[in-house]
Every structure is written in C-alpha cells, then in structure tokens.
Amino acid sequence: VFRIEKYQNINKMLNDFSEEAMKF
C-alpha cells in the first residue's frame, strides 16, 4: 500500500520538502 504523508496541496508539500532539503 502506498501512502503520501502530511499532504495538503502540492505547493505546500514542495515548500516543506525544500525546507527539509536545506538540511540534507
């Protein structure tokens, strides 16, 4: 089963991910 976590809309997801990626 596939699940996408903490999803509200695509732009918020991409912003959240970009914020996380700054710490990679």
PDBML (XML) file of the C-alpha atoms, coordinates in Angstrom:
<?xml version="1.0" encoding="UTF-8" ?>
<PDBx:datablock datablockName="MODEL"
   xmlns:PDBx="http://pdbml.pdb.org/schema/pdbx-v50.xsd"
   xmlns:xsi="http://www.w3.org/2001/XMLSchema-instance"
   xsi:schemaLocation="http://pdbml.pdb.org/schema/pdbx-v50.xsd pdbx-v50.xsd">
   <PDBx:atom_siteCategory>
      <PDBx:atom_site id="1">
         <PDBx:B_iso_or_equiv>0.00</PDBx:B_iso_or_equiv>
         <PDBx:Cartn_x>0.000</PDBx:Cartn_x>
         <PDBx:Cartn_y>0.000</PDBx:Cartn_y>
         <PDBx:Cartn_z>0.000</PDBx:Cartn_z>
         <PDBx:auth_asym_id>A</PDBx:auth_asym_id>
         <PDBx:auth_atom_id>CA</PDBx:auth_atom_id>
         <PDBx:auth_comp_id>VAL</PDBx:auth_comp_id>
         <PDBx:auth_seq_id>1</PDBx:auth_seq_id>
         <PDBx:group_PDB>ATOM</PDBx:group_PDB>
         <PDBx:label_alt_id xsi:nil="true" />
         <PDBx:label_asym_id>A</PDBx:label_asym_id>
         <PDBx:label_atom_id>CA</PDBx:label_atom_id>
         <PDBx:label_comp_id>VAL</PDBx:label_comp_id>
         <PDBx:label_entity_id>1</PDBx:label_entity_id>
         <PDBx:label_seq_id>1</PDBx:label_seq_id>
         <PDBx:occupancy>1.00</PDBx:occupancy>
         <PDBx:pdbx_PDB_model_num>1</PDBx:pdbx_PDB_model_num>
         <PDBx:type_symbol>C</PDBx:type_symbol>
      </PDBx:atom_site>
      <PDBx:atom_site id="2">
         <PDBx:B_iso_or_equiv>0.00</PDBx:B_iso_or_equiv>
         <PDBx:Cartn_x>1.263</PDBx:Cartn_x>
         <PDBx:Cartn_y>3.461</PDBx:Cartn_y>
         <PDBx:Cartn_z>-0.942</PDBx:Cartn_z>
         <PDBx:auth_asym_id>A</PDBx:auth_asym_id>
         <PDBx:auth_atom_id>CA</PDBx:auth_atom_id>
         <PDBx:auth_comp_id>PHE</PDBx:auth_comp_id>
         <PDBx:auth_seq_id>2</PDBx:auth_seq_id>
         <PDBx:group_PDB>ATOM</PDBx:group_PDB>
         <PDBx:label_alt_id xsi:nil="true" />
         <PDBx:label_asym_id>A</PDBx:label_asym_id>
         <PDBx:label_atom_id>CA</PDBx:label_atom_id>
         <PDBx:label_comp_id>PHE</PDBx:label_comp_id>
         <PDBx:label_entity_id>1</PDBx:label_entity_id>
         <PDBx:label_seq_id>2</PDBx:label_seq_id>
         <PDBx:occupancy>1.00</PDBx:occupancy>
         <PDBx:pdbx_PDB_model_num>1</PDBx:pdbx_PDB_model_num>
         <PDBx:type_symbol>C</PDBx:type_symbol>
      </PDBx:atom_site>
      <PDBx:atom_site id="3">
         <PDBx:B_iso_or_equiv>0.00</PDBx:B_iso_or_equiv>
         <PDBx:Cartn_x>0.577</PDBx:Cartn_x>
         <PDBx:Cartn_y>6.451</PDBx:Cartn_y>
         <PDBx:Cartn_z>1.312</PDBx:Cartn_z>
         <PDBx:auth_asym_id>A</PDBx:auth_asym_id>
         <PDBx:auth_atom_id>CA</PDBx:auth_atom_id>
         <PDBx:auth_comp_id>ARG</PDBx:auth_comp_id>
         <PDBx:auth_seq_id>3</PDBx:auth_seq_id>
         <PDBx:group_PDB>ATOM</PDBx:group_PDB>
         <PDBx:label_alt_id xsi:nil="true" />
         <PDBx:label_asym_id>A</PDBx:label_asym_id>
         <PDBx:label_atom_id>CA</PDBx:label_atom_id>
         <PDBx:label_comp_id>ARG</PDBx:label_comp_id>
         <PDBx:label_entity_id>1</PDBx:label_entity_id>
         <PDBx:label_seq_id>3</PDBx:label_seq_id>
         <PDBx:occupancy>1.00</PDBx:occupancy>
         <PDBx:pdbx_PDB_model_num>1</PDBx:pdbx_PDB_model_num>
         <PDBx:type_symbol>C</PDBx:type_symbol>
      </PDBx:atom_site>
      <PDBx:atom_site id="4">
         <PDBx:B_iso_or_equiv>0.00</PDBx:B_iso_or_equiv>
         <PDBx:Cartn_x>1.613</PDBx:Cartn_x>
         <PDBx:Cartn_y>10.078</PDBx:Cartn_y>
         <PDBx:Cartn_z>0.960</PDBx:Cartn_z>
         <PDBx:auth_asym_id>A</PDBx:auth_asym_id>
         <PDBx:auth_atom_id>CA</PDBx:auth_atom_id>
         <PDBx:auth_comp_id>ILE</PDBx:auth_comp_id>
         <PDBx:auth_seq_id>4</PDBx:auth_seq_id>
         <PDBx:group_PDB>ATOM</PDBx:group_PDB>
         <PDBx:label_alt_id xsi:nil="true" />
         <PDBx:label_asym_id>A</PDBx:label_asym_id>
         <PDBx:label_atom_id>CA</PDBx:label_atom_id>
         <PDBx:label_comp_id>ILE</PDBx:label_comp_id>
         <PDBx:label_entity_id>1</PDBx:label_entity_id>
         <PDBx:label_seq_id>4</PDBx:label_seq_id>
         <PDBx:occupancy>1.00</PDBx:occupancy>
         <PDBx:pdbx_PDB_model_num>1</PDBx:pdbx_PDB_model_num>
         <PDBx:type_symbol>C</PDBx:type_symbol>
      </PDBx:atom_site>
      <PDBx:atom_site id="5">
         <PDBx:B_iso_or_equiv>0.00</PDBx:B_iso_or_equiv>
         <PDBx:Cartn_x>2.280</PDBx:Cartn_x>
         <PDBx:Cartn_y>11.679</PDBx:Cartn_y>
         <PDBx:Cartn_z>4.335</PDBx:Cartn_z>
         <PDBx:auth_asym_id>A</PDBx:auth_asym_id>
         <PDBx:auth_atom_id>CA</PDBx:auth_atom_id>
         <PDBx:auth_comp_id>GLU</PDBx:auth_comp_id>
         <PDBx:auth_seq_id>5</PDBx:auth_seq_id>
         <PDBx:group_PDB>ATOM</PDBx:group_PDB>
         <PDBx:label_alt_id xsi:nil="true" />
         <PDBx:label_asym_id>A</PDBx:label_asym_id>
         <PDBx:label_atom_id>CA</PDBx:label_atom_id>
         <PDBx:label_comp_id>GLU</PDBx:label_comp_id>
         <PDBx:label_entity_id>1</PDBx:label_entity_id>
         <PDBx:label_seq_id>5</PDBx:label_seq_id>
         <PDBx:occupancy>1.00</PDBx:occupancy>
         <PDBx:pdbx_PDB_model_num>1</PDBx:pdbx_PDB_model_num>
         <PDBx:type_symbol>C</PDBx:type_symbol>
      </PDBx:atom_site>
      <PDBx:atom_site id="6">
         <PDBx:B_iso_or_equiv>0.00</PDBx:B_iso_or_equiv>
         <PDBx:Cartn_x>1.279</PDBx:Cartn_x>
         <PDBx:Cartn_y>15.151</PDBx:Cartn_y>
         <PDBx:Cartn_z>5.543</PDBx:Cartn_z>
         <PDBx:auth_asym_id>A</PDBx:auth_asym_id>
         <PDBx:auth_atom_id>CA</PDBx:auth_atom_id>
         <PDBx:auth_comp_id>LYS</PDBx:auth_comp_id>
         <PDBx:auth_seq_id>6</PDBx:auth_seq_id>
         <PDBx:group_PDB>ATOM</PDBx:group_PDB>
         <PDBx:label_alt_id xsi:nil="true" />
         <PDBx:label_asym_id>A</PDBx:label_asym_id>
         <PDBx:label_atom_id>CA</PDBx:label_atom_id>
         <PDBx:label_comp_id>LYS</PDBx:label_comp_id>
         <PDBx:label_entity_id>1</PDBx:label_entity_id>
         <PDBx:label_seq_id>6</PDBx:label_seq_id>
         <PDBx:occupancy>1.00</PDBx:occupancy>
         <PDBx:pdbx_PDB_model_num>1</PDBx:pdbx_PDB_model_num>
         <PDBx:type_symbol>C</PDBx:type_symbol>
      </PDBx:atom_site>
      <PDBx:atom_site id="7">
         <PDBx:B_iso_or_equiv>0.00</PDBx:B_iso_or_equiv>
         <PDBx:Cartn_x>-0.205</PDBx:Cartn_x>
         <PDBx:Cartn_y>16.106</PDBx:Cartn_y>
         <PDBx:Cartn_z>2.184</PDBx:Cartn_z>
         <PDBx:auth_asym_id>A</PDBx:auth_asym_id>
         <PDBx:auth_atom_id>CA</PDBx:auth_atom_id>
         <PDBx:auth_comp_id>TYR</PDBx:auth_comp_id>
         <PDBx:auth_seq_id>7</PDBx:auth_seq_id>
         <PDBx:group_PDB>ATOM</PDBx:group_PDB>
         <PDBx:label_alt_id xsi:nil="true" />
         <PDBx:label_asym_id>A</PDBx:label_asym_id>
         <PDBx:label_atom_id>CA</PDBx:label_atom_id>
         <PDBx:label_comp_id>TYR</PDBx:label_comp_id>
         <PDBx:label_entity_id>1</PDBx:label_entity_id>
         <PDBx:label_seq_id>7</PDBx:label_seq_id>
         <PDBx:occupancy>1.00</PDBx:occupancy>
         <PDBx:pdbx_PDB_model_num>1</PDBx:pdbx_PDB_model_num>
         <PDBx:type_symbol>C</PDBx:type_symbol>
      </PDBx:atom_site>
      <PDBx:atom_site id="8">
         <PDBx:B_iso_or_equiv>0.00</PDBx:B_iso_or_equiv>
         <PDBx:Cartn_x>-2.433</PDBx:Cartn_x>
         <PDBx:Cartn_y>19.193</PDBx:Cartn_y>
         <PDBx:Cartn_z>1.893</PDBx:Cartn_z>
         <PDBx:auth_asym_id>A</PDBx:auth_asym_id>
         <PDBx:auth_atom_id>CA</PDBx:auth_atom_id>
         <PDBx:auth_comp_id>GLN</PDBx:auth_comp_id>
         <PDBx:auth_seq_id>8</PDBx:auth_seq_id>
         <PDBx:group_PDB>ATOM</PDBx:group_PDB>
         <PDBx:label_alt_id xsi:nil="true" />
         <PDBx:label_asym_id>A</PDBx:label_asym_id>
         <PDBx:label_atom_id>CA</PDBx:label_atom_id>
         <PDBx:label_comp_id>GLN</PDBx:label_comp_id>
         <PDBx:label_entity_id>1</PDBx:label_entity_id>
         <PDBx:label_seq_id>8</PDBx:label_seq_id>
         <PDBx:occupancy>1.00</PDBx:occupancy>
         <PDBx:pdbx_PDB_model_num>1</PDBx:pdbx_PDB_model_num>
         <PDBx:type_symbol>C</PDBx:type_symbol>
      </PDBx:atom_site>
      <PDBx:atom_site id="9">
         <PDBx:B_iso_or_equiv>0.00</PDBx:B_iso_or_equiv>
         <PDBx:Cartn_x>-1.549</PDBx:Cartn_x>
         <PDBx:Cartn_y>20.620</PDBx:Cartn_y>
         <PDBx:Cartn_z>-1.517</PDBx:Cartn_z>
         <PDBx:auth_asym_id>A</PDBx:auth_asym_id>
         <PDBx:auth_atom_id>CA</PDBx:auth_atom_id>
         <PDBx:auth_comp_id>ASN</PDBx:auth_comp_id>
         <PDBx:auth_seq_id>9</PDBx:auth_seq_id>
         <PDBx:group_PDB>ATOM</PDBx:group_PDB>
         <PDBx:label_alt_id xsi:nil="true" />
         <PDBx:label_asym_id>A</PDBx:label_asym_id>
         <PDBx:label_atom_id>CA</PDBx:label_atom_id>
         <PDBx:label_comp_id>ASN</PDBx:label_comp_id>
         <PDBx:label_entity_id>1</PDBx:label_entity_id>
         <PDBx:label_seq_id>9</PDBx:label_seq_id>
         <PDBx:occupancy>1.00</PDBx:occupancy>
         <PDBx:pdbx_PDB_model_num>1</PDBx:pdbx_PDB_model_num>
         <PDBx:type_symbol>C</PDBx:type_symbol>
      </PDBx:atom_site>
      <PDBx:atom_site id="10">
         <PDBx:B_iso_or_equiv>0.00</PDBx:B_iso_or_equiv>
         <PDBx:Cartn_x>1.327</PDBx:Cartn_x>
         <PDBx:Cartn_y>20.267</PDBx:Cartn_y>
         <PDBx:Cartn_z>-3.951</PDBx:Cartn_z>
         <PDBx:auth_asym_id>A</PDBx:auth_asym_id>
         <PDBx:auth_atom_id>CA</PDBx:auth_atom_id>
         <PDBx:auth_comp_id>ILE</PDBx:auth_comp_id>
         <PDBx:auth_seq_id>10</PDBx:auth_seq_id>
         <PDBx:group_PDB>ATOM</PDBx:group_PDB>
         <PDBx:label_alt_id xsi:nil="true" />
         <PDBx:label_asym_id>A</PDBx:label_asym_id>
         <PDBx:label_atom_id>CA</PDBx:label_atom_id>
         <PDBx:label_comp_id>ILE</PDBx:label_comp_id>
         <PDBx:label_entity_id>1</PDBx:label_entity_id>
         <PDBx:label_seq_id>10</PDBx:label_seq_id>
         <PDBx:occupancy>1.00</PDBx:occupancy>
         <PDBx:pdbx_PDB_model_num>1</PDBx:pdbx_PDB_model_num>
         <PDBx:type_symbol>C</PDBx:type_symbol>
      </PDBx:atom_site>
      <PDBx:atom_site id="11">
         <PDBx:B_iso_or_equiv>0.00</PDBx:B_iso_or_equiv>
         <PDBx:Cartn_x>2.919</PDBx:Cartn_x>
         <PDBx:Cartn_y>23.688</PDBx:Cartn_y>
         <PDBx:Cartn_z>-3.395</PDBx:Cartn_z>
         <PDBx:auth_asym_id>A</PDBx:auth_asym_id>
         <PDBx:auth_atom_id>CA</PDBx:auth_atom_id>
         <PDBx:auth_comp_id>ASN</PDBx:auth_comp_id>
         <PDBx:auth_seq_id>11</PDBx:auth_seq_id>
         <PDBx:group_PDB>ATOM</PDBx:group_PDB>
         <PDBx:label_alt_id xsi:nil="true" />
         <PDBx:label_asym_id>A</PDBx:label_asym_id>
         <PDBx:label_atom_id>CA</PDBx:label_atom_id>
         <PDBx:label_comp_id>ASN</PDBx:label_comp_id>
         <PDBx:label_entity_id>1</PDBx:label_entity_id>
         <PDBx:label_seq_id>11</PDBx:label_seq_id>
         <PDBx:occupancy>1.00</PDBx:occupancy>
         <PDBx:pdbx_PDB_model_num>1</PDBx:pdbx_PDB_model_num>
         <PDBx:type_symbol>C</PDBx:type_symbol>
      </PDBx:atom_site>
      <PDBx:atom_site id="12">
         <PDBx:B_iso_or_equiv>0.00</PDBx:B_iso_or_equiv>
         <PDBx:Cartn_x>2.923</PDBx:Cartn_x>
         <PDBx:Cartn_y>23.342</PDBx:Cartn_y>
         <PDBx:Cartn_z>0.385</PDBx:Cartn_z>
         <PDBx:auth_asym_id>A</PDBx:auth_asym_id>
         <PDBx:auth_atom_id>CA</PDBx:auth_atom_id>
         <PDBx:auth_comp_id>LYS</PDBx:auth_comp_id>
         <PDBx:auth_seq_id>12</PDBx:auth_seq_id>
         <PDBx:group_PDB>ATOM</PDBx:group_PDB>
         <PDBx:label_alt_id xsi:nil="true" />
         <PDBx:label_asym_id>A</PDBx:label_asym_id>
         <PDBx:label_atom_id>CA</PDBx:label_atom_id>
         <PDBx:label_comp_id>LYS</PDBx:label_comp_id>
         <PDBx:label_entity_id>1</PDBx:label_entity_id>
         <PDBx:label_seq_id>12</PDBx:label_seq_id>
         <PDBx:occupancy>1.00</PDBx:occupancy>
         <PDBx:pdbx_PDB_model_num>1</PDBx:pdbx_PDB_model_num>
         <PDBx:type_symbol>C</PDBx:type_symbol>
      </PDBx:atom_site>
      <PDBx:atom_site id="13">
         <PDBx:B_iso_or_equiv>0.00</PDBx:B_iso_or_equiv>
         <PDBx:Cartn_x>4.459</PDBx:Cartn_x>
         <PDBx:Cartn_y>19.884</PDBx:Cartn_y>
         <PDBx:Cartn_z>0.002</PDBx:Cartn_z>
         <PDBx:auth_asym_id>A</PDBx:auth_asym_id>
         <PDBx:auth_atom_id>CA</PDBx:auth_atom_id>
         <PDBx:auth_comp_id>MET</PDBx:auth_comp_id>
         <PDBx:auth_seq_id>13</PDBx:auth_seq_id>
         <PDBx:group_PDB>ATOM</PDBx:group_PDB>
         <PDBx:label_alt_id xsi:nil="true" />
         <PDBx:label_asym_id>A</PDBx:label_asym_id>
         <PDBx:label_atom_id>CA</PDBx:label_atom_id>
         <PDBx:label_comp_id>MET</PDBx:label_comp_id>
         <PDBx:label_entity_id>1</PDBx:label_entity_id>
         <PDBx:label_seq_id>13</PDBx:label_seq_id>
         <PDBx:occupancy>1.00</PDBx:occupancy>
         <PDBx:pdbx_PDB_model_num>1</PDBx:pdbx_PDB_model_num>
         <PDBx:type_symbol>C</PDBx:type_symbol>
      </PDBx:atom_site>
      <PDBx:atom_site id="14">
         <PDBx:B_iso_or_equiv>0.00</PDBx:B_iso_or_equiv>
         <PDBx:Cartn_x>7.189</PDBx:Cartn_x>
         <PDBx:Cartn_y>21.226</PDBx:Cartn_y>
         <PDBx:Cartn_z>-2.280</PDBx:Cartn_z>
         <PDBx:auth_asym_id>A</PDBx:auth_asym_id>
         <PDBx:auth_atom_id>CA</PDBx:auth_atom_id>
         <PDBx:auth_comp_id>LEU</PDBx:auth_comp_id>
         <PDBx:auth_seq_id>14</PDBx:auth_seq_id>
         <PDBx:group_PDB>ATOM</PDBx:group_PDB>
         <PDBx:label_alt_id xsi:nil="true" />
         <PDBx:label_asym_id>A</PDBx:label_asym_id>
         <PDBx:label_atom_id>CA</PDBx:label_atom_id>
         <PDBx:label_comp_id>LEU</PDBx:label_comp_id>
         <PDBx:label_entity_id>1</PDBx:label_entity_id>
         <PDBx:label_seq_id>14</PDBx:label_seq_id>
         <PDBx:occupancy>1.00</PDBx:occupancy>
         <PDBx:pdbx_PDB_model_num>1</PDBx:pdbx_PDB_model_num>
         <PDBx:type_symbol>C</PDBx:type_symbol>
      </PDBx:atom_site>
      <PDBx:atom_site id="15">
         <PDBx:B_iso_or_equiv>0.00</PDBx:B_iso_or_equiv>
         <PDBx:Cartn_x>7.911</PDBx:Cartn_x>
         <PDBx:Cartn_y>24.130</PDBx:Cartn_y>
         <PDBx:Cartn_z>0.066</PDBx:Cartn_z>
         <PDBx:auth_asym_id>A</PDBx:auth_asym_id>
         <PDBx:auth_atom_id>CA</PDBx:auth_atom_id>
         <PDBx:auth_comp_id>ASN</PDBx:auth_comp_id>
         <PDBx:auth_seq_id>15</PDBx:auth_seq_id>
         <PDBx:group_PDB>ATOM</PDBx:group_PDB>
         <PDBx:label_alt_id xsi:nil="true" />
         <PDBx:label_asym_id>A</PDBx:label_asym_id>
         <PDBx:label_atom_id>CA</PDBx:label_atom_id>
         <PDBx:label_comp_id>ASN</PDBx:label_comp_id>
         <PDBx:label_entity_id>1</PDBx:label_entity_id>
         <PDBx:label_seq_id>15</PDBx:label_seq_id>
         <PDBx:occupancy>1.00</PDBx:occupancy>
         <PDBx:pdbx_PDB_model_num>1</PDBx:pdbx_PDB_model_num>
         <PDBx:type_symbol>C</PDBx:type_symbol>
      </PDBx:atom_site>
      <PDBx:atom_site id="16">
         <PDBx:B_iso_or_equiv>0.00</PDBx:B_iso_or_equiv>
         <PDBx:Cartn_x>8.048</PDBx:Cartn_x>
         <PDBx:Cartn_y>21.778</PDBx:Cartn_y>
         <PDBx:Cartn_z>3.057</PDBx:Cartn_z>
         <PDBx:auth_asym_id>A</PDBx:auth_asym_id>
         <PDBx:auth_atom_id>CA</PDBx:auth_atom_id>
         <PDBx:auth_comp_id>ASP</PDBx:auth_comp_id>
         <PDBx:auth_seq_id>16</PDBx:auth_seq_id>
         <PDBx:group_PDB>ATOM</PDBx:group_PDB>
         <PDBx:label_alt_id xsi:nil="true" />
         <PDBx:label_asym_id>A</PDBx:label_asym_id>
         <PDBx:label_atom_id>CA</PDBx:label_atom_id>
         <PDBx:label_comp_id>ASP</PDBx:label_comp_id>
         <PDBx:label_entity_id>1</PDBx:label_entity_id>
         <PDBx:label_seq_id>16</PDBx:label_seq_id>
         <PDBx:occupancy>1.00</PDBx:occupancy>
         <PDBx:pdbx_PDB_model_num>1</PDBx:pdbx_PDB_model_num>
         <PDBx:type_symbol>C</PDBx:type_symbol>
      </PDBx:atom_site>
      <PDBx:atom_site id="17">
         <PDBx:B_iso_or_equiv>0.00</PDBx:B_iso_or_equiv>
         <PDBx:Cartn_x>10.386</PDBx:Cartn_x>
         <PDBx:Cartn_y>19.473</PDBx:Cartn_y>
         <PDBx:Cartn_z>1.178</PDBx:Cartn_z>
         <PDBx:auth_asym_id>A</PDBx:auth_asym_id>
         <PDBx:auth_atom_id>CA</PDBx:auth_atom_id>
         <PDBx:auth_comp_id>PHE</PDBx:auth_comp_id>
         <PDBx:auth_seq_id>17</PDBx:auth_seq_id>
         <PDBx:group_PDB>ATOM</PDBx:group_PDB>
         <PDBx:label_alt_id xsi:nil="true" />
         <PDBx:label_asym_id>A</PDBx:label_asym_id>
         <PDBx:label_atom_id>CA</PDBx:label_atom_id>
         <PDBx:label_comp_id>PHE</PDBx:label_comp_id>
         <PDBx:label_entity_id>1</PDBx:label_entity_id>
         <PDBx:label_seq_id>17</PDBx:label_seq_id>
         <PDBx:occupancy>1.00</PDBx:occupancy>
         <PDBx:pdbx_PDB_model_num>1</PDBx:pdbx_PDB_model_num>
         <PDBx:type_symbol>C</PDBx:type_symbol>
      </PDBx:atom_site>
      <PDBx:atom_site id="18">
         <PDBx:B_iso_or_equiv>0.00</PDBx:B_iso_or_equiv>
         <PDBx:Cartn_x>12.599</PDBx:Cartn_x>
         <PDBx:Cartn_y>22.369</PDBx:Cartn_y>
         <PDBx:Cartn_z>0.034</PDBx:Cartn_z>
         <PDBx:auth_asym_id>A</PDBx:auth_asym_id>
         <PDBx:auth_atom_id>CA</PDBx:auth_atom_id>
         <PDBx:auth_comp_id>SER</PDBx:auth_comp_id>
         <PDBx:auth_seq_id>18</PDBx:auth_seq_id>
         <PDBx:group_PDB>ATOM</PDBx:group_PDB>
         <PDBx:label_alt_id xsi:nil="true" />
         <PDBx:label_asym_id>A</PDBx:label_asym_id>
         <PDBx:label_atom_id>CA</PDBx:label_atom_id>
         <PDBx:label_comp_id>SER</PDBx:label_comp_id>
         <PDBx:label_entity_id>1</PDBx:label_entity_id>
         <PDBx:label_seq_id>18</PDBx:label_seq_id>
         <PDBx:occupancy>1.00</PDBx:occupancy>
         <PDBx:pdbx_PDB_model_num>1</PDBx:pdbx_PDB_model_num>
         <PDBx:type_symbol>C</PDBx:type_symbol>
      </PDBx:atom_site>
      <PDBx:atom_site id="19">
         <PDBx:B_iso_or_equiv>0.00</PDBx:B_iso_or_equiv>
         <PDBx:Cartn_x>12.874</PDBx:Cartn_x>
         <PDBx:Cartn_y>23.499</PDBx:Cartn_y>
         <PDBx:Cartn_z>3.648</PDBx:Cartn_z>
         <PDBx:auth_asym_id>A</PDBx:auth_asym_id>
         <PDBx:auth_atom_id>CA</PDBx:auth_atom_id>
         <PDBx:auth_comp_id>GLU</PDBx:auth_comp_id>
         <PDBx:auth_seq_id>19</PDBx:auth_seq_id>
         <PDBx:group_PDB>ATOM</PDBx:group_PDB>
         <PDBx:label_alt_id xsi:nil="true" />
         <PDBx:label_asym_id>A</PDBx:label_asym_id>
         <PDBx:label_atom_id>CA</PDBx:label_atom_id>
         <PDBx:label_comp_id>GLU</PDBx:label_comp_id>
         <PDBx:label_entity_id>1</PDBx:label_entity_id>
         <PDBx:label_seq_id>19</PDBx:label_seq_id>
         <PDBx:occupancy>1.00</PDBx:occupancy>
         <PDBx:pdbx_PDB_model_num>1</PDBx:pdbx_PDB_model_num>
         <PDBx:type_symbol>C</PDBx:type_symbol>
      </PDBx:atom_site>
      <PDBx:atom_site id="20">
         <PDBx:B_iso_or_equiv>0.00</PDBx:B_iso_or_equiv>
         <PDBx:Cartn_x>13.927</PDBx:Cartn_x>
         <PDBx:Cartn_y>19.988</PDBx:Cartn_y>
         <PDBx:Cartn_z>4.680</PDBx:Cartn_z>
         <PDBx:auth_asym_id>A</PDBx:auth_asym_id>
         <PDBx:auth_atom_id>CA</PDBx:auth_atom_id>
         <PDBx:auth_comp_id>GLU</PDBx:auth_comp_id>
         <PDBx:auth_seq_id>20</PDBx:auth_seq_id>
         <PDBx:group_PDB>ATOM</PDBx:group_PDB>
         <PDBx:label_alt_id xsi:nil="true" />
         <PDBx:label_asym_id>A</PDBx:label_asym_id>
         <PDBx:label_atom_id>CA</PDBx:label_atom_id>
         <PDBx:label_comp_id>GLU</PDBx:label_comp_id>
         <PDBx:label_entity_id>1</PDBx:label_entity_id>
         <PDBx:label_seq_id>20</PDBx:label_seq_id>
         <PDBx:occupancy>1.00</PDBx:occupancy>
         <PDBx:pdbx_PDB_model_num>1</PDBx:pdbx_PDB_model_num>
         <PDBx:type_symbol>C</PDBx:type_symbol>
      </PDBx:atom_site>
      <PDBx:atom_site id="21">
         <PDBx:B_iso_or_equiv>0.00</PDBx:B_iso_or_equiv>
         <PDBx:Cartn_x>16.346</PDBx:Cartn_x>
         <PDBx:Cartn_y>19.709</PDBx:Cartn_y>
         <PDBx:Cartn_z>1.739</PDBx:Cartn_z>
         <PDBx:auth_asym_id>A</PDBx:auth_asym_id>
         <PDBx:auth_atom_id>CA</PDBx:auth_atom_id>
         <PDBx:auth_comp_id>ALA</PDBx:auth_comp_id>
         <PDBx:auth_seq_id>21</PDBx:auth_seq_id>
         <PDBx:group_PDB>ATOM</PDBx:group_PDB>
         <PDBx:label_alt_id xsi:nil="true" />
         <PDBx:label_asym_id>A</PDBx:label_asym_id>
         <PDBx:label_atom_id>CA</PDBx:label_atom_id>
         <PDBx:label_comp_id>ALA</PDBx:label_comp_id>
         <PDBx:label_entity_id>1</PDBx:label_entity_id>
         <PDBx:label_seq_id>21</PDBx:label_seq_id>
         <PDBx:occupancy>1.00</PDBx:occupancy>
         <PDBx:pdbx_PDB_model_num>1</PDBx:pdbx_PDB_model_num>
         <PDBx:type_symbol>C</PDBx:type_symbol>
      </PDBx:atom_site>
      <PDBx:atom_site id="22">
         <PDBx:B_iso_or_equiv>0.00</PDBx:B_iso_or_equiv>
         <PDBx:Cartn_x>18.300</PDBx:Cartn_x>
         <PDBx:Cartn_y>22.704</PDBx:Cartn_y>
         <PDBx:Cartn_z>3.023</PDBx:Cartn_z>
         <PDBx:auth_asym_id>A</PDBx:auth_asym_id>
         <PDBx:auth_atom_id>CA</PDBx:auth_atom_id>
         <PDBx:auth_comp_id>MET</PDBx:auth_comp_id>
         <PDBx:auth_seq_id>22</PDBx:auth_seq_id>
         <PDBx:group_PDB>ATOM</PDBx:group_PDB>
         <PDBx:label_alt_id xsi:nil="true" />
         <PDBx:label_asym_id>A</PDBx:label_asym_id>
         <PDBx:label_atom_id>CA</PDBx:label_atom_id>
         <PDBx:label_comp_id>MET</PDBx:label_comp_id>
         <PDBx:label_entity_id>1</PDBx:label_entity_id>
         <PDBx:label_seq_id>22</PDBx:label_seq_id>
         <PDBx:occupancy>1.00</PDBx:occupancy>
         <PDBx:pdbx_PDB_model_num>1</PDBx:pdbx_PDB_model_num>
         <PDBx:type_symbol>C</PDBx:type_symbol>
      </PDBx:atom_site>
      <PDBx:atom_site id="23">
         <PDBx:B_iso_or_equiv>0.00</PDBx:B_iso_or_equiv>
         <PDBx:Cartn_x>19.389</PDBx:Cartn_x>
         <PDBx:Cartn_y>20.464</PDBx:Cartn_y>
         <PDBx:Cartn_z>5.934</PDBx:Cartn_z>
         <PDBx:auth_asym_id>A</PDBx:auth_asym_id>
         <PDBx:auth_atom_id>CA</PDBx:auth_atom_id>
         <PDBx:auth_comp_id>LYS</PDBx:auth_comp_id>
         <PDBx:auth_seq_id>23</PDBx:auth_seq_id>
         <PDBx:group_PDB>ATOM</PDBx:group_PDB>
         <PDBx:label_alt_id xsi:nil="true" />
         <PDBx:label_asym_id>A</PDBx:label_asym_id>
         <PDBx:label_atom_id>CA</PDBx:label_atom_id>
         <PDBx:label_comp_id>LYS</PDBx:label_comp_id>
         <PDBx:label_entity_id>1</PDBx:label_entity_id>
         <PDBx:label_seq_id>23</PDBx:label_seq_id>
         <PDBx:occupancy>1.00</PDBx:occupancy>
         <PDBx:pdbx_PDB_model_num>1</PDBx:pdbx_PDB_model_num>
         <PDBx:type_symbol>C</PDBx:type_symbol>
      </PDBx:atom_site>
      <PDBx:atom_site id="24">
         <PDBx:B_iso_or_equiv>0.00</PDBx:B_iso_or_equiv>
         <PDBx:Cartn_x>20.386</PDBx:Cartn_x>
         <PDBx:Cartn_y>17.467</PDBx:Cartn_y>
         <PDBx:Cartn_z>3.775</PDBx:Cartn_z>
         <PDBx:auth_asym_id>A</PDBx:auth_asym_id>
         <PDBx:auth_atom_id>CA</PDBx:auth_atom_id>
         <PDBx:auth_comp_id>PHE</PDBx:auth_comp_id>
         <PDBx:auth_seq_id>24</PDBx:auth_seq_id>
         <PDBx:group_PDB>ATOM</PDBx:group_PDB>
         <PDBx:label_alt_id xsi:nil="true" />
         <PDBx:label_asym_id>A</PDBx:label_asym_id>
         <PDBx:label_atom_id>CA</PDBx:label_atom_id>
         <PDBx:label_comp_id>PHE</PDBx:label_comp_id>
         <PDBx:label_entity_id>1</PDBx:label_entity_id>
         <PDBx:label_seq_id>24</PDBx:label_seq_id>
         <PDBx:occupancy>1.00</PDBx:occupancy>
         <PDBx:pdbx_PDB_model_num>1</PDBx:pdbx_PDB_model_num>
         <PDBx:type_symbol>C</PDBx:type_symbol>
      </PDBx:atom_site>
   </PDBx:atom_siteCategory>
</PDBx:datablock>
